Amino acid sequence: MTVTGVVRTGVEAGCLLLDTDTEDYLLLADDDAQLRPGVTVQVRGTPKPGMATTCQQGVPLEVHEVRPS
């Protein structure tokens, strides 16, 4: 899936969320420099709704690609 939104910090340390119009996604990425709080990006990834995380926020989204938006 591909979604566009604003990156923001999560409640737990080290957690980044993508705030879209319809949903918040927990960004699961391997150190992508484009994922900084306040930046609007387009993310292509695979949702992992059943995955347990320490962040406890948003729908986990395994990030495959990030583009500036």
Protein backbone atom coordinates (compact mmCIF):
# COMPACT_ATOMS: atom_id res chain seq x y z
CA MET A 1 0.00 0.00 0.00
CA THR A 2 1.04 3.62 -0.47
CA VAL A 3 0.10 6.35 2.01
CA THR A 4 0.99 10.02 2.41
CA GLY A 5 1.16 11.90 5.67
CA VAL A 6 3.21 13.80 8.20
CA VAL A 7 5.82 12.03 10.30
CA ARG A 8 5.51 12.61 14.05
CA THR A 9 7.08 11.18 17.16
CA GLY A 10 5.23 8.55 19.12
CA VAL A 11 4.60 8.45 22.85
CA GLU A 12 7.39 5.90 23.38
CA ALA A 13 11.03 6.82 22.67
CA GLY A 14 12.25 5.89 19.19
CA CYS A 15 8.76 5.47 17.72
CA LEU A 16 7.77 7.32 14.55
CA LEU A 17 4.21 7.54 13.25
CA LEU A 18 2.81 8.59 9.90
CA ASP A 19 -0.25 10.75 10.51
CA THR A 20 -2.60 10.43 7.52
CA ASP A 21 -6.15 11.72 7.03
CA THR A 22 -7.64 8.35 7.95
CA GLU A 23 -5.15 6.42 10.10
CA ASP A 24 -1.91 6.60 12.09
CA TYR A 25 0.78 4.15 10.98
CA LEU A 26 3.73 3.05 13.06
CA LEU A 27 6.71 3.25 10.72
CA LEU A 28 8.90 0.15 10.80
CA ALA A 29 11.96 1.21 8.82
CA ASP A 30 15.67 0.47 8.87
CA ASP A 31 17.02 3.92 9.72
CA ASP A 32 15.56 5.95 6.83
CA ALA A 33 16.95 9.49 7.06
CA GLN A 34 13.86 10.92 5.33
CA LEU A 35 11.65 9.95 8.29
CA ARG A 36 11.95 13.02 10.50
CA PRO A 37 9.18 14.53 12.62
CA GLY A 38 7.30 17.28 10.78
CA VAL A 39 8.20 16.08 7.25
CA THR A 40 5.45 15.13 4.78
CA VAL A 41 6.31 11.92 2.95
CA GLN A 42 4.80 9.22 0.77
CA VAL A 43 5.47 5.73 2.12
CA ARG A 44 5.07 2.44 0.30
CA GLY A 45 4.89 -0.52 2.64
CA THR A 46 3.11 -3.56 4.01
CA PRO A 47 0.65 -3.17 6.90
CA LYS A 48 1.19 -5.60 9.80
CA PRO A 49 -1.98 -5.05 11.90
CA GLY A 50 -1.47 -8.08 14.17
CA MET A 51 2.15 -7.32 15.03
CA ALA A 52 2.94 -6.56 18.67
CA THR A 53 5.26 -3.58 19.19
CA THR A 54 6.69 -1.66 22.12
CA CYS A 55 5.30 1.57 20.64
CA GLN A 56 1.66 0.60 21.22
CA GLN A 57 0.41 3.22 18.74
CA GLY A 58 -0.80 3.12 15.17
CA VAL A 59 -1.02 0.28 12.69
CA PRO A 60 2.48 -1.18 12.17
CA LEU A 61 3.65 -0.50 8.60
CA GLU A 62 6.77 -2.25 7.27
CA VAL A 63 8.37 0.48 5.12
CA HIS A 64 9.70 -0.49 1.68
CA GLU A 65 10.17 2.97 0.15
CA VAL A 66 9.99 6.61 1.25
CA ARG A 67 9.57 9.60 -1.05
CA PRO A 68 9.31 13.30 -0.21
CA SER A 69 5.84 14.64 -0.81
